[in-house]
Amino acid sequence: MKVKGRALAAVALLALTACKQPLPPATPVPPAPTATGYGARPPQTASAPVPGGEAQRFIAGLDVPGQWWTLFHSEKLNALVNRAIAANPDVTVAQAALRQARETYYAQRSSAYPTAQGSASVSRQQVPTYYAPPLNSSNSEYVYGVHTISLDVAYTPDVFGNLRYQTASAGAALTAQRFMTEATYLTLTSNVVITVLQAAGLRAQIATAKRAIAIDQQLLDLTRAQRTYAQAAGLDVLTQVSALRAAQAAVPPLEKQLAQARDALARLVGVSPDAAPDADFDLDALHLPDTLPVSLPSSLVAQRPDIAAAEANLAQQSAEVGVAYTNRLPNFSITAQTATQALSLGTLFGAGTFLSNLTAQVTQTFYDHGTLKHREAAAIAGYDQAAATYVGTTLSGLQNVADSLAALDADADALKAAYDAQLAAQKALEIVRRQQSLGAVSSLVTLTAEQADAQAELNVAQARANRYMDTAALFEALGGGWWNRTETAPEH
């Protein structure tokens, strides 16, 4: 009785010690942004009377469609995006990581329940005569068999919440991976759309640049002919040669970018470059979305997968602080065993063969040279890091939206200016051509006007492509509308 009393006193002392431990530090989630906008922005952009030059209106609070790329009105683009979703290996990787996180969470959640294990064994034993008397007087060899069947049940009472904290950590990791999967999906679809738009813009620029080269070649031929008849100086020929070479030098970089865009599309749809999909998109066949959503900053934190994943990581680190804290408290466990043991199978469940054991245990670390204390401090530092990362990710998301809005404003102004310049160049060319028909100007003047018109057309093509690509970038910055998606999505 004295031993039992001392044991109870020890358990009480451990519980009292646990109650005196400080509570884990509070780990609140940083507040959502209180801003109501992204800086001073006009309600709509400028416009120009060219395809893709429509004014774009910004509607605050308008929801983002789940299949936002369909707003470009291209069945060919839609098919390419769906193909990428079905075949891109990055999505497969993300889905597998999500399944792994889910099963890890389920496994951790199960640790709060009792476990039961059964076992059966047969052993053959020989007892020396000097060690024990014969178990069977008719057996002079003192050899006998032992048959055992047992059932063990173990349970860990979660007195201080250690298991709950571990389960919360695994659940937060699952949530983080779910949003990382959404981020993979968003990045994939955005890259497909932006790459297609880039390829369409490059094709338009290459066509215009080649037209400018043809004009420069005509100018050079004409200047050389004039040189032959002493109507032009050698410097004029060299100047025109330089202009032609400069125009020719501008094409290979554009063709390189177009080839790289094709290779990028091949990677996005999960094939090798030799099987790259058709990238012959035309900007004239694409519709520029003219009504654009602008989510409030307070809503953006829930819409962007990277911000949501950072918040889940913050929750995971908060749970890890609780795990580290409760690891310093007493640990309780209960184990129960029941078994039957006999010398033969026939008597295994007979009278007097059953045995049982019930054990309650409590353990407490009294000295570990500060190991658990430092682990708790490390967990707190990890939480501080996750909190700062969350704030930084949120600010980056707000910056992405603000940058996209600013880019769309600037793109519209640039397109309007490029169109006005092209319009002026076209009018100048018309006047020069009329003058040439009357013999008032030479062919050299006409070709120079055509050269200026070609350069103005190239500037318009570049400005149009920028508007399309920055529109896609805005949808990506707003989170891509994954919460409204109805098509087959990454596995949840």
Protein backbone atom coordinates (compact mmCIF):
# COMPACT_ATOMS: atom_id res chain seq x y z
CA MET A 1 0.00 0.00 0.00
CA LYS A 2 2.90 2.30 0.72
CA VAL A 3 4.26 1.72 -2.80
CA LYS A 4 0.88 2.46 -4.34
CA GLY A 5 0.58 5.64 -2.31
CA ARG A 6 3.98 6.82 -3.39
CA ALA A 7 3.10 6.16 -7.02
CA LEU A 8 -0.07 8.21 -6.74
CA ALA A 9 1.89 11.00 -5.11
CA ALA A 10 4.39 10.96 -7.98
CA VAL A 11 1.59 11.19 -10.55
CA ALA A 12 0.03 14.09 -8.66
CA LEU A 13 3.39 15.86 -8.54
CA LEU A 14 3.81 15.47 -12.28
CA ALA A 15 0.32 16.82 -12.94
CA LEU A 16 1.01 19.77 -10.63
CA THR A 17 4.27 20.46 -12.46
CA ALA A 18 2.39 20.41 -15.77
CA CYS A 19 -0.15 22.91 -14.52
CA LYS A 20 2.66 25.32 -13.66
CA GLN A 21 4.06 25.24 -17.21
CA PRO A 22 3.49 28.50 -19.15
CA LEU A 23 0.86 28.43 -21.86
CA PRO A 24 2.09 28.46 -25.49
CA PRO A 25 2.29 31.96 -26.97
CA ALA A 26 -0.73 33.33 -28.79
CA THR A 27 -0.47 32.88 -32.56
CA PRO A 28 -3.06 35.14 -34.19
CA VAL A 29 -3.43 35.36 -37.97
CA PRO A 30 -2.34 38.78 -39.28
CA PRO A 31 -5.34 40.94 -40.18
CA ALA A 32 -6.56 41.23 -43.75
CA PRO A 33 -5.62 44.38 -45.70
CA THR A 34 -7.82 47.36 -44.92
CA ALA A 35 -7.12 49.16 -48.20
CA THR A 36 -10.09 49.76 -50.48
CA GLY A 37 -8.20 49.88 -53.76
CA TYR A 38 -4.87 49.73 -55.53
CA GLY A 39 -4.11 53.42 -55.90
CA ALA A 40 -5.69 56.07 -58.10
CA ARG A 41 -6.96 54.38 -61.24
CA PRO A 42 -9.37 55.62 -63.94
CA PRO A 43 -12.60 53.60 -64.23
CA GLN A 44 -11.65 52.57 -67.76
CA THR A 45 -8.75 52.66 -70.17
CA ALA A 46 -8.25 54.66 -73.33
CA SER A 47 -9.44 53.20 -76.62
CA ALA A 48 -8.28 53.04 -80.21
CA PRO A 49 -10.31 52.09 -83.33
CA VAL A 50 -8.37 48.88 -84.03
CA PRO A 51 -9.08 45.24 -83.15
CA GLY A 52 -8.07 44.86 -79.53
CA GLY A 53 -8.26 48.58 -78.97
CA GLU A 54 -11.57 48.63 -77.10
CA ALA A 55 -11.74 50.50 -73.81
CA GLN A 56 -11.56 48.16 -70.83
CA ARG A 57 -13.74 48.94 -67.81
CA PHE A 58 -12.66 47.97 -64.30
CA ILE A 59 -15.51 46.75 -62.09
CA ALA A 60 -14.70 46.66 -58.37
CA GLY A 61 -15.96 43.52 -56.65
CA LEU A 62 -16.87 41.72 -59.90
CA ASP A 63 -16.32 37.98 -59.51
CA VAL A 64 -13.61 36.23 -61.52
CA PRO A 65 -14.92 33.46 -63.81
CA GLY A 66 -13.46 30.01 -63.32
CA GLN A 67 -12.65 29.65 -67.02
CA TRP A 68 -11.52 33.22 -67.58
CA TRP A 69 -9.60 32.34 -70.76
CA THR A 70 -12.90 31.71 -72.55
CA LEU A 71 -13.40 35.49 -72.50
CA PHE A 72 -10.94 35.66 -75.42
CA HIS A 73 -13.55 33.80 -77.54
CA SER A 74 -11.19 31.24 -79.07
CA GLU A 75 -12.22 27.59 -79.20
CA LYS A 76 -8.69 26.74 -80.30
CA LEU A 77 -7.28 28.40 -77.18
CA ASN A 78 -9.85 26.67 -74.96
CA ALA A 79 -8.89 23.28 -76.39
CA LEU A 80 -5.20 23.97 -75.79
CA VAL A 81 -5.80 24.93 -72.16
CA ASN A 82 -7.86 21.78 -71.56
CA ARG A 83 -5.16 19.69 -73.18
CA ALA A 84 -2.55 21.19 -70.85
CA ILE A 85 -4.70 20.53 -67.79
CA ALA A 86 -5.06 16.88 -68.77
CA ALA A 87 -1.42 16.19 -69.69
CA ASN A 88 0.91 18.59 -67.88
CA PRO A 89 3.22 16.66 -65.52
CA ASP A 90 3.33 19.49 -62.97
CA VAL A 91 -0.37 19.00 -62.30
CA THR A 92 0.22 15.27 -61.82
CA VAL A 93 3.00 16.02 -59.34
CA ALA A 94 0.77 18.42 -57.41
CA GLN A 95 -2.10 15.94 -57.31
CA ALA A 96 0.19 13.20 -55.96
CA ALA A 97 1.55 15.57 -53.32
CA LEU A 98 -2.02 16.41 -52.35
CA ARG A 99 -2.93 12.75 -51.96
CA GLN A 100 0.17 12.20 -49.85
CA ALA A 101 -0.71 15.12 -47.58
CA ARG A 102 -4.26 13.85 -47.22
CA GLU A 103 -3.19 10.34 -46.22
CA THR A 104 -0.64 11.77 -43.80
CA TYR A 105 -3.41 13.80 -42.17
CA TYR A 106 -5.69 10.76 -41.91
CA ALA A 107 -2.87 8.73 -40.35
CA GLN A 108 -2.14 11.44 -37.81
CA ARG A 109 -5.82 11.88 -36.98
CA SER A 110 -6.08 8.16 -36.22
CA SER A 111 -3.43 8.44 -33.51
CA ALA A 112 -6.07 9.83 -31.15
CA TYR A 113 -7.88 6.47 -31.11
CA PRO A 114 -6.89 3.26 -29.30
CA THR A 115 -4.88 0.67 -31.17
CA ALA A 116 -5.39 -3.08 -30.89
CA GLN A 117 -2.91 -5.74 -31.97
CA GLY A 118 -3.30 -9.47 -31.95
CA SER A 119 -0.55 -12.05 -31.96
CA ALA A 120 -0.17 -15.81 -31.90
CA SER A 121 2.98 -17.79 -31.19
CA VAL A 122 4.14 -21.37 -30.76
CA SER A 123 7.40 -22.17 -29.02
CA ARG A 124 9.22 -25.38 -28.18
CA GLN A 125 11.09 -25.33 -24.88
CA GLN A 126 13.35 -27.71 -23.00
CA VAL A 127 13.75 -27.34 -19.24
CA PRO A 128 16.94 -28.69 -17.61
CA THR A 129 16.32 -31.04 -14.69
CA TYR A 130 18.42 -28.95 -12.37
CA TYR A 131 16.33 -25.83 -13.25
CA ALA A 132 12.80 -27.14 -12.77
CA PRO A 133 11.01 -30.38 -12.05
CA PRO A 134 9.48 -32.26 -14.95
CA LEU A 135 6.28 -30.70 -16.23
CA ASN A 136 5.07 -34.13 -17.16
CA SER A 137 6.29 -37.13 -15.21
CA SER A 138 5.92 -39.34 -18.28
CA ASN A 139 8.27 -37.11 -20.31
CA SER A 140 11.84 -37.85 -19.33
CA GLU A 141 13.26 -35.28 -21.77
CA TYR A 142 11.48 -32.35 -20.11
CA VAL A 143 10.60 -30.83 -23.54
CA TYR A 144 7.25 -29.11 -23.97
CA GLY A 145 5.47 -26.71 -26.32
CA VAL A 146 3.85 -23.38 -25.37
CA HIS A 147 0.96 -21.97 -27.41
CA THR A 148 0.00 -18.33 -26.89
CA ILE A 149 -2.69 -16.05 -28.31
CA SER A 150 -2.79 -12.46 -27.07
CA LEU A 151 -4.63 -9.20 -27.66
CA ASP A 152 -2.90 -5.89 -26.81
CA VAL A 153 -4.77 -2.58 -26.59
CA ALA A 154 -2.94 0.73 -26.21
CA TYR A 155 -4.37 4.19 -25.71
CA THR A 156 -2.73 7.57 -25.17
CA PRO A 157 -5.07 9.99 -23.36
CA ASP A 158 -4.53 13.39 -24.97
CA VAL A 159 -4.56 15.18 -21.63
CA PHE A 160 -2.66 18.29 -22.72
CA GLY A 161 -3.56 18.31 -26.41
CA ASN A 162 -0.31 17.09 -27.94
CA LEU A 163 -2.10 14.81 -30.37
CA ARG A 164 -4.63 17.51 -31.19
CA TYR A 165 -1.81 19.90 -32.04
CA GLN A 166 -0.14 17.27 -34.22
CA THR A 167 -3.41 16.60 -36.02
CA ALA A 168 -3.96 20.32 -36.50
CA SER A 169 -0.46 20.60 -37.98
CA ALA A 170 -1.12 17.79 -40.44
CA GLY A 171 -4.49 19.31 -41.33
CA ALA A 172 -2.91 22.69 -42.01
CA ALA A 173 -0.26 21.01 -44.16
CA LEU A 174 -3.06 19.37 -46.15
CA THR A 175 -4.77 22.74 -46.64
CA ALA A 176 -1.49 24.32 -47.73
CA GLN A 177 -0.91 21.57 -50.28
CA ARG A 178 -4.46 21.94 -51.57
CA PHE A 179 -3.82 25.61 -52.33
CA MET A 180 -0.39 24.82 -53.76
CA THR A 181 -2.17 22.49 -56.15
CA GLU A 182 -4.51 25.31 -57.08
CA ALA A 183 -1.48 27.56 -57.61
CA THR A 184 0.00 24.97 -59.96
CA TYR A 185 -3.27 24.87 -61.90
CA LEU A 186 -3.44 28.67 -62.07
CA THR A 187 0.18 29.01 -63.19
CA LEU A 188 -0.33 26.38 -65.88
CA THR A 189 -3.47 27.89 -67.40
CA SER A 190 -2.04 31.41 -67.24
CA ASN A 191 1.21 30.34 -68.88
CA VAL A 192 -0.67 28.63 -71.70
CA VAL A 193 -2.80 31.70 -72.40
CA ILE A 194 0.06 34.21 -72.12
CA THR A 195 2.34 32.06 -74.30
CA VAL A 196 -0.36 31.79 -76.97
CA LEU A 197 -0.92 35.55 -76.89
CA GLN A 198 2.81 36.17 -77.04
CA ALA A 199 3.12 33.87 -80.06
CA ALA A 200 0.26 35.65 -81.82
CA GLY A 201 1.87 39.03 -81.19
CA LEU A 202 5.26 37.79 -82.39
CA ARG A 203 3.77 36.46 -85.62
CA ALA A 204 2.19 39.85 -86.30
CA GLN A 205 5.46 41.63 -85.54
CA ILE A 206 7.47 39.29 -87.75
CA ALA A 207 5.10 39.80 -90.67
CA THR A 208 5.32 43.58 -90.30
CA ALA A 209 9.11 43.49 -89.87
CA LYS A 210 9.50 41.48 -93.08
CA ARG A 211 7.37 44.04 -94.88
CA ALA A 212 9.70 46.75 -93.61
CA ILE A 213 12.69 44.76 -94.87
CA ALA A 214 11.16 44.50 -98.34
CA ILE A 215 10.64 48.28 -98.38
CA ASP A 216 14.22 48.89 -97.19
CA GLN A 217 15.50 46.61 -99.94
CA GLN A 218 13.58 48.60 -102.54
CA LEU A 219 14.98 51.81 -101.09
CA LEU A 220 18.50 50.42 -101.30
CA ASP A 221 18.01 49.29 -104.91
CA LEU A 222 16.65 52.69 -105.84
CA THR A 223 19.48 54.52 -104.07
CA ARG A 224 22.07 52.39 -105.83
CA ALA A 225 20.44 53.12 -109.18
CA GLN A 226 20.50 56.83 -108.40
CA ARG A 227 24.15 56.49 -107.44
CA THR A 228 24.84 55.00 -110.84
CA TYR A 229 23.45 58.10 -112.48
CA ALA A 230 25.16 60.37 -109.96
CA GLN A 231 21.82 61.31 -108.44
CA ALA A 232 22.81 60.04 -104.99
CA ALA A 233 25.99 60.09 -102.99
CA GLY A 234 27.91 57.09 -101.74
CA LEU A 235 26.96 58.08 -98.21
CA ASP A 236 23.29 57.74 -99.14
CA VAL A 237 23.90 54.16 -100.26
CA LEU A 238 25.77 53.29 -97.08
CA THR A 239 23.04 54.87 -94.97
CA GLN A 240 20.39 52.77 -96.68
CA VAL A 241 22.50 49.61 -96.35
CA SER A 242 22.76 50.28 -92.62
CA ALA A 243 18.99 50.75 -92.37
CA LEU A 244 18.36 47.49 -94.26
CA ARG A 245 20.76 45.51 -92.10
CA ALA A 246 19.19 46.94 -88.95
CA ALA A 247 15.72 45.89 -90.15
CA GLN A 248 17.02 42.43 -90.99
CA ALA A 249 18.71 42.11 -87.60
CA ALA A 250 15.38 42.75 -85.86
CA VAL A 251 13.76 39.60 -87.28
CA PRO A 252 15.93 36.76 -85.85
CA PRO A 253 15.27 37.76 -82.21
CA LEU A 254 11.54 37.75 -82.92
CA GLU A 255 11.78 34.36 -84.63
CA LYS A 256 13.81 33.04 -81.69
CA GLN A 257 11.13 34.17 -79.26
CA LEU A 258 8.44 32.56 -81.42
CA ALA A 259 10.37 29.26 -81.51
CA GLN A 260 10.82 29.40 -77.74
CA ALA A 261 7.10 30.07 -77.35
CA ARG A 262 6.35 26.94 -79.39
CA ASP A 263 8.75 24.93 -77.22
CA ALA A 264 7.14 26.35 -74.10
CA LEU A 265 3.70 25.31 -75.33
CA ALA A 266 5.01 21.81 -75.95
CA ARG A 267 6.24 21.61 -72.35
CA LEU A 268 2.97 22.99 -71.02
CA VAL A 269 0.86 20.37 -72.82
CA GLY A 270 3.23 17.57 -71.82
CA VAL A 271 4.92 16.72 -75.13
CA SER A 272 8.42 17.05 -76.58
CA PRO A 273 9.32 20.05 -78.80
CA ASP A 274 9.07 17.98 -82.01
CA ALA A 275 5.37 17.42 -81.20
CA ALA A 276 4.64 21.04 -80.26
CA PRO A 277 1.00 22.09 -80.76
CA ASP A 278 -0.01 24.55 -83.44
CA ALA A 279 0.87 28.05 -82.25
CA ASP A 280 -0.38 29.91 -85.33
CA PHE A 281 -2.78 32.11 -83.41
CA ASP A 282 -3.84 35.46 -84.84
CA LEU A 283 -4.58 38.48 -82.64
CA ASP A 284 -7.36 39.48 -85.04
CA ALA A 285 -9.15 36.20 -84.20
CA LEU A 286 -9.02 36.86 -80.45
CA HIS A 287 -11.44 39.02 -78.49
CA LEU A 288 -10.05 41.42 -75.91
CA PRO A 289 -12.16 41.23 -72.69
CA ASP A 290 -13.60 44.70 -72.17
CA THR A 291 -15.06 44.20 -68.66
CA LEU A 292 -12.46 43.33 -66.08
CA PRO A 293 -12.97 42.41 -62.41
CA VAL A 294 -11.00 44.12 -59.66
CA SER A 295 -11.27 42.28 -56.35
CA LEU A 296 -11.06 44.22 -53.12
CA PRO A 297 -7.76 43.77 -51.27
CA SER A 298 -9.61 42.15 -48.36
CA SER A 299 -11.06 39.57 -50.78
CA LEU A 300 -7.79 38.98 -52.60
CA VAL A 301 -6.23 37.20 -49.60
CA ALA A 302 -8.83 34.44 -49.95
CA GLN A 303 -8.70 34.33 -53.75
CA ARG A 304 -4.99 33.98 -54.39
CA PRO A 305 -3.77 30.41 -53.82
CA ASP A 306 -0.29 31.54 -52.78
CA ILE A 307 -1.69 33.77 -50.03
CA ALA A 308 -4.09 31.04 -48.86
CA ALA A 309 -1.20 28.54 -48.80
CA ALA A 310 0.91 30.98 -46.77
CA GLU A 311 -1.96 31.35 -44.28
CA ALA A 312 -2.25 27.56 -44.00
CA ASN A 313 1.48 27.32 -43.43
CA LEU A 314 1.10 29.91 -40.67
CA ALA A 315 -1.57 27.73 -39.04
CA GLN A 316 0.72 24.72 -39.32
CA GLN A 317 3.56 26.57 -37.61
CA SER A 318 1.15 27.69 -34.89
CA ALA A 319 0.21 24.05 -34.26
CA GLU A 320 3.89 23.12 -34.17
CA VAL A 321 4.34 25.62 -31.33
CA GLY A 322 1.62 23.74 -29.44
CA VAL A 323 3.32 20.42 -30.18
CA ALA A 324 6.64 21.69 -28.88
CA TYR A 325 4.97 23.15 -25.78
CA THR A 326 3.02 20.01 -24.88
CA ASN A 327 6.12 17.85 -25.42
CA ARG A 328 7.41 19.46 -22.21
CA LEU A 329 4.37 18.26 -20.24
CA PRO A 330 3.70 14.79 -18.79
CA ASN A 331 2.78 12.04 -21.21
CA PHE A 332 0.12 9.52 -20.19
CA SER A 333 -0.45 6.05 -21.66
CA ILE A 334 -2.66 3.08 -20.93
CA THR A 335 -1.98 -0.44 -22.14
CA ALA A 336 -4.06 -3.55 -21.61
CA GLN A 337 -3.23 -7.13 -22.54
CA THR A 338 -5.21 -10.31 -22.38
CA ALA A 339 -3.85 -13.66 -23.48
CA THR A 340 -4.36 -17.38 -23.25
CA GLN A 341 -1.44 -19.74 -22.94
CA ALA A 342 -1.33 -23.54 -22.82
CA LEU A 343 0.95 -26.44 -23.51
CA SER A 344 -1.26 -27.73 -26.31
CA LEU A 345 -3.71 -26.30 -28.83
CA GLY A 346 -6.54 -28.41 -27.43
CA THR A 347 -6.30 -26.82 -23.99
CA LEU A 348 -5.57 -23.28 -25.22
CA PHE A 349 -8.92 -21.88 -24.12
CA GLY A 350 -9.42 -24.15 -21.16
CA ALA A 351 -9.78 -23.19 -17.54
CA GLY A 352 -6.75 -21.55 -15.98
CA THR A 353 -5.11 -20.57 -19.27
CA PHE A 354 -6.08 -16.91 -19.36
CA LEU A 355 -3.90 -14.05 -18.16
CA SER A 356 -4.31 -10.26 -18.31
CA ASN A 357 -2.38 -7.11 -17.59
CA LEU A 358 -3.39 -3.45 -17.25
CA THR A 359 -0.77 -0.72 -17.07
CA ALA A 360 -1.17 3.05 -16.65
CA GLN A 361 1.97 5.07 -17.15
CA VAL A 362 2.94 8.71 -16.90
CA THR A 363 6.33 10.09 -17.96
CA GLN A 364 7.83 13.51 -17.48
CA THR A 365 11.20 14.82 -18.64
CA PHE A 366 12.94 16.52 -15.72
CA TYR A 367 16.30 17.22 -17.31
CA ASP A 368 17.39 17.22 -20.97
CA HIS A 369 19.90 20.08 -20.94
CA GLY A 370 17.30 22.41 -22.47
CA THR A 371 16.49 20.28 -25.52
CA LEU A 372 12.69 20.60 -25.33
CA LYS A 373 12.89 24.25 -24.33
CA HIS A 374 15.02 25.09 -27.35
CA ARG A 375 12.72 23.11 -29.63
CA GLU A 376 9.81 25.18 -28.41
CA ALA A 377 11.80 28.37 -29.01
CA ALA A 378 12.64 27.12 -32.51
CA ALA A 379 8.93 26.47 -33.18
CA ILE A 380 8.09 30.01 -32.07
CA ALA A 381 10.76 31.38 -34.40
CA GLY A 382 9.28 29.25 -37.19
CA TYR A 383 5.89 30.80 -36.52
CA ASP A 384 7.39 34.31 -36.65
CA GLN A 385 8.98 33.42 -39.97
CA ALA A 386 5.69 32.08 -41.34
CA ALA A 387 3.86 35.21 -40.19
CA ALA A 388 6.36 37.46 -41.97
CA THR A 389 6.12 35.27 -45.06
CA TYR A 390 2.34 35.57 -45.00
CA VAL A 391 2.54 39.36 -44.82
CA GLY A 392 5.12 39.45 -47.61
CA THR A 393 3.07 37.14 -49.82
CA THR A 394 -0.01 39.29 -49.26
CA LEU A 395 1.87 42.45 -50.17
CA SER A 396 3.26 40.77 -53.29
CA GLY A 397 -0.25 39.78 -54.32
CA LEU A 398 -1.50 43.33 -53.91
CA GLN A 399 1.50 44.55 -55.90
CA ASN A 400 0.76 42.07 -58.71
CA VAL A 401 -2.78 43.39 -59.08
CA ALA A 402 -1.66 47.03 -58.92
CA ASP A 403 1.06 46.37 -61.49
CA SER A 404 -1.41 44.66 -63.83
CA LEU A 405 -3.86 47.55 -63.59
CA ALA A 406 -1.09 50.08 -64.23
CA ALA A 407 0.15 48.01 -67.17
CA LEU A 408 -3.33 47.91 -68.73
CA ASP A 409 -3.67 51.68 -68.43
CA ALA A 410 -0.24 52.20 -69.98
CA ASP A 411 -0.90 49.60 -72.71
CA ALA A 412 -4.11 51.35 -73.74
CA ASP A 413 -2.35 54.72 -73.88
CA ALA A 414 0.54 53.20 -75.84
CA LEU A 415 -1.83 51.58 -78.34
CA LYS A 416 -3.73 54.83 -78.82
CA ALA A 417 -0.48 56.71 -79.42
CA ALA A 418 0.80 54.00 -81.78
CA TYR A 419 -2.48 54.04 -83.68
CA ASP A 420 -2.40 57.83 -84.00
CA ALA A 421 1.15 57.60 -85.30
CA GLN A 422 0.16 54.90 -87.77
CA LEU A 423 -2.84 56.96 -88.90
CA ALA A 424 -0.57 59.93 -89.51
CA ALA A 425 1.91 57.71 -91.39
CA GLN A 426 -0.89 56.29 -93.56
CA LYS A 427 -2.18 59.77 -94.44
CA ALA A 428 1.34 60.90 -95.24
CA LEU A 429 1.80 57.87 -97.47
CA GLU A 430 -1.46 58.58 -99.31
CA ILE A 431 -0.38 62.16 -99.97
CA VAL A 432 3.06 61.07 -101.18
CA ARG A 433 1.54 58.48 -103.50
CA ARG A 434 -0.78 61.10 -105.04
CA GLN A 435 2.18 63.40 -105.48
CA GLN A 436 4.17 60.61 -107.10
CA SER A 437 1.33 59.91 -109.54
CA LEU A 438 1.54 63.58 -110.55
CA GLY A 439 5.30 63.40 -110.88
CA ALA A 440 5.84 65.78 -107.97
CA VAL A 441 8.00 63.43 -105.86
CA SER A 442 10.36 60.57 -106.58
CA SER A 443 9.96 56.88 -105.79
CA LEU A 444 12.53 57.34 -103.05
CA VAL A 445 10.19 59.64 -101.16
CA THR A 446 7.33 57.19 -101.55
CA LEU A 447 9.39 54.26 -100.25
CA THR A 448 10.53 56.35 -97.29
CA ALA A 449 6.88 57.05 -96.44
CA GLU A 450 6.08 53.34 -96.78
CA GLN A 451 8.96 52.57 -94.44
CA ALA A 452 7.55 54.93 -91.81
CA ASP A 453 4.12 53.35 -92.24
CA ALA A 454 5.55 49.84 -91.74
CA GLN A 455 7.34 50.89 -88.57
CA ALA A 456 4.14 52.45 -87.24
CA GLU A 457 2.28 49.22 -88.00
CA LEU A 458 4.94 47.26 -86.08
CA ASN A 459 4.47 49.52 -83.05
CA VAL A 460 0.71 48.93 -83.17
CA ALA A 461 1.20 45.14 -83.30
CA GLN A 462 3.46 45.28 -80.24
CA ALA A 463 1.01 47.46 -78.32
CA ARG A 464 -1.91 45.19 -79.15
CA ALA A 465 -0.05 42.09 -77.98
CA ASN A 466 0.85 43.80 -74.70
CA ARG A 467 -2.82 44.56 -74.00
CA TYR A 468 -3.84 40.94 -74.47
CA MET A 469 -0.99 39.54 -72.36
CA ASP A 470 -1.44 42.02 -69.52
CA THR A 471 -5.17 41.25 -69.47
CA ALA A 472 -4.34 37.58 -68.89
CA ALA A 473 -1.83 38.64 -66.22
CA LEU A 474 -4.58 40.51 -64.37
CA PHE A 475 -6.78 37.40 -64.20
CA GLU A 476 -3.80 35.46 -62.88
CA ALA A 477 -3.06 38.15 -60.28
CA LEU A 478 -6.68 37.97 -59.08
CA GLY A 479 -6.44 34.24 -58.41
CA GLY A 480 -7.90 32.87 -61.63
CA GLY A 481 -11.39 32.24 -60.25
CA TRP A 482 -10.58 28.71 -59.05
CA TRP A 483 -13.51 28.90 -56.63
CA ASN A 484 -15.89 29.16 -59.63
CA ARG A 485 -14.36 26.40 -61.70
CA THR A 486 -16.76 23.78 -63.04
CA GLU A 487 -14.47 21.78 -65.32
CA THR A 488 -12.32 18.91 -64.13
CA ALA A 489 -9.92 20.40 -61.60
CA PRO A 490 -6.89 19.14 -59.75
CA GLU A 491 -7.92 16.45 -57.30
CA HIS A 492 -9.14 17.67 -53.92
